[in-house]
Amino acid sequence: MAKLKTAGGIILAGGKSSRMKKNKAFLKVGQLRIIERILIELKEAGLDPLIVTNSPEEYTHLGVPVIVDLIPRQGPLSGMHAGLVTSKYNYNLVVACYMPFIHRVLAEYLLA
């Protein structure tokens, strides 16, 4: 049985990747890209995910809402702002797109 969506999962994916020179969200860990792993865990925790990015065209194929910063070029806080303003939930878990070991049990615990 599917879990009821009671909270949002905001994935911040707006970085410039200036040190790595490629988008960390699309690096593979095991068989999946990091962003795919995060989406699976958030969905299995019953969260309703969305992605905040400055390059939405890179993420539209993932099948979740993709939004851009409302106040551009102001860093992660601006991404959090856009995600929270857009989310339809009172509770949201905010994660970065390059965190491959986010786990649904941790998400459930934090939101409890």
Protein backbone atom coordinates (compact mmCIF):
# COMPACT_ATOMS: atom_id res chain seq x y z
CA MET A 1 0.00 0.00 0.00
CA ALA A 2 1.34 3.44 -0.92
CA LYS A 3 2.07 5.87 1.88
CA LEU A 4 0.10 9.07 2.13
CA LYS A 5 2.11 12.11 1.18
CA THR A 6 2.31 14.20 4.35
CA ALA A 7 5.50 16.17 3.74
CA GLY A 8 7.61 17.51 0.94
CA GLY A 9 11.12 16.53 -0.06
CA ILE A 10 13.06 19.49 -1.42
CA ILE A 11 16.19 18.58 -3.37
CA LEU A 12 18.61 21.45 -3.87
CA ALA A 13 20.37 21.05 -7.21
CA GLY A 14 21.37 24.58 -8.14
CA GLY A 15 25.13 24.48 -7.69
CA LYS A 16 27.61 25.51 -10.35
CA SER A 17 29.85 22.44 -9.87
CA SER A 18 32.82 24.78 -10.13
CA ARG A 19 35.29 22.45 -8.40
CA MET A 20 34.12 19.15 -9.91
CA LYS A 21 33.37 20.56 -13.39
CA LYS A 22 30.37 18.23 -13.82
CA ASN A 23 26.98 17.89 -12.20
CA LYS A 24 27.36 15.78 -9.04
CA ALA A 25 23.67 14.83 -9.06
CA PHE A 26 24.26 12.64 -12.11
CA LEU A 27 27.31 10.75 -10.80
CA LYS A 28 26.64 7.05 -10.36
CA VAL A 29 26.87 5.29 -7.01
CA GLY A 30 26.35 1.62 -7.71
CA GLN A 31 23.81 1.24 -10.51
CA LEU A 32 21.95 4.51 -9.97
CA ARG A 33 22.71 8.19 -10.31
CA ILE A 34 22.75 10.04 -6.99
CA ILE A 35 19.63 12.07 -7.82
CA GLU A 36 17.75 8.87 -8.67
CA ARG A 37 18.76 7.27 -5.36
CA ILE A 38 17.57 10.33 -3.44
CA LEU A 39 14.23 10.37 -5.26
CA ILE A 40 13.64 6.68 -4.50
CA GLU A 41 14.38 7.12 -0.79
CA LEU A 42 12.25 10.25 -0.42
CA LYS A 43 9.31 8.62 -2.21
CA GLU A 44 9.62 5.43 -0.12
CA ALA A 45 9.53 7.63 3.02
CA GLY A 46 6.20 9.00 1.80
CA LEU A 47 7.58 12.39 0.81
CA ASP A 48 6.46 14.36 -2.22
CA PRO A 49 9.73 15.44 -3.88
CA LEU A 50 10.56 18.49 -5.95
CA ILE A 51 13.85 19.74 -7.35
CA VAL A 52 15.10 23.31 -7.11
CA THR A 53 17.71 24.14 -9.74
CA ASN A 54 19.05 26.87 -11.99
CA SER A 55 19.19 24.42 -14.91
CA PRO A 56 15.69 22.87 -15.03
CA GLU A 57 16.22 21.29 -18.44
CA GLU A 58 18.67 18.82 -16.86
CA TYR A 59 16.08 17.43 -14.46
CA THR A 60 12.71 17.41 -16.26
CA HIS A 61 13.14 13.76 -17.33
CA LEU A 62 12.97 12.63 -13.68
CA GLY A 63 9.19 13.03 -13.50
CA VAL A 64 8.98 15.32 -10.47
CA PRO A 65 8.28 19.06 -10.29
CA VAL A 66 11.33 21.17 -11.12
CA ILE A 67 11.45 24.80 -10.06
CA VAL A 68 14.01 27.61 -10.19
CA ASP A 69 15.17 30.06 -7.53
CA LEU A 70 12.82 32.97 -7.02
CA ILE A 71 15.83 35.12 -6.14
CA PRO A 72 18.61 33.93 -8.49
CA ARG A 73 22.30 33.56 -7.67
CA GLN A 74 21.91 33.76 -3.90
CA GLY A 75 23.05 30.23 -3.05
CA PRO A 76 21.41 27.37 -1.16
CA LEU A 77 19.29 29.60 1.04
CA SER A 78 17.57 30.94 -2.06
CA GLY A 79 16.91 27.37 -3.18
CA MET A 80 15.41 26.52 0.19
CA HIS A 81 13.25 29.64 -0.06
CA ALA A 82 11.93 28.67 -3.50
CA GLY A 83 11.27 25.10 -2.38
CA LEU A 84 9.43 26.12 0.77
CA VAL A 85 7.34 28.74 -1.04
CA THR A 86 6.40 26.21 -3.73
CA SER A 87 5.76 23.22 -1.46
CA LYS A 88 2.17 22.50 -0.52
CA TYR A 89 3.24 20.94 2.78
CA ASN A 90 3.85 22.40 6.23
CA TYR A 91 6.75 19.98 6.75
CA ASN A 92 9.61 19.52 4.30
CA LEU A 93 12.90 17.70 4.34
CA VAL A 94 15.60 19.63 2.46
CA VAL A 95 18.55 17.68 1.02
CA ALA A 96 21.35 18.38 -1.42
CA CYS A 97 21.43 16.60 -4.78
CA TYR A 98 24.84 15.06 -4.06
CA MET A 99 23.94 13.11 -0.89
CA PRO A 100 23.91 9.47 -2.10
CA PHE A 101 23.23 7.88 1.27
CA ILE A 102 20.01 9.61 2.24
CA HIS A 103 17.86 6.84 3.68
CA ARG A 104 14.08 6.68 4.05
CA VAL A 105 14.38 5.63 7.73
CA LEU A 106 16.31 8.81 8.52
CA ALA A 107 13.77 10.91 6.60
CA GLU A 108 10.90 9.27 8.49
CA TYR A 109 12.68 9.80 11.82
CA LEU A 110 13.44 13.46 11.17
CA LEU A 111 9.88 14.19 10.12
CA ALA A 112 8.40 12.31 13.09
